[in-house]
Amino acid sequence: FAYSSDEEIPNYSDVEEMIFHEDPSLDEHKI
């Protein structure tokens, strides 16, 4: 995931954390 705006990077971190909490199986796909 490459973003032109640095503002999107920290935002993605929060989303990633939510996803991992929602579906631990995604850990296999280590983004």
Protein backbone atom coordinates (compact mmCIF):
# COMPACT_ATOMS: atom_id res chain seq x y z
CA PHE A 1 0.00 0.00 0.00
CA ALA A 2 1.70 3.19 -1.18
CA TYR A 3 0.13 6.57 -0.47
CA SER A 4 1.07 9.94 -1.94
CA SER A 5 -0.15 11.68 1.22
CA ASP A 6 1.72 10.91 4.43
CA GLU A 7 -1.56 11.59 6.23
CA GLU A 8 -3.00 8.34 4.87
CA ILE A 9 -0.21 6.21 6.36
CA PRO A 10 -1.14 6.62 10.06
CA ASN A 11 -4.81 6.29 9.13
CA TYR A 12 -4.08 2.92 7.50
CA SER A 13 -2.39 1.76 10.70
CA ASP A 14 -5.64 2.21 12.62
CA VAL A 15 -7.59 0.36 9.95
CA GLU A 16 -5.05 -2.47 9.90
CA GLU A 17 -5.31 -2.81 13.67
CA MET A 18 -9.11 -3.00 13.48
CA ILE A 19 -8.97 -5.62 10.73
CA PHE A 20 -6.57 -7.82 12.72
CA HIS A 21 -8.86 -7.58 15.74
CA GLU A 22 -11.86 -8.44 13.59
CA ASP A 23 -10.25 -11.35 11.71
CA PRO A 24 -7.05 -12.81 13.28
CA SER A 25 -6.77 -15.21 10.32
CA LEU A 26 -5.57 -12.25 8.22
CA ASP A 27 -2.29 -12.53 10.12
CA GLU A 28 -1.31 -15.14 7.52
CA HIS A 29 -1.49 -12.52 4.77
CA LYS A 30 0.96 -10.26 6.66
CA ILE A 31 0.53 -7.03 4.70
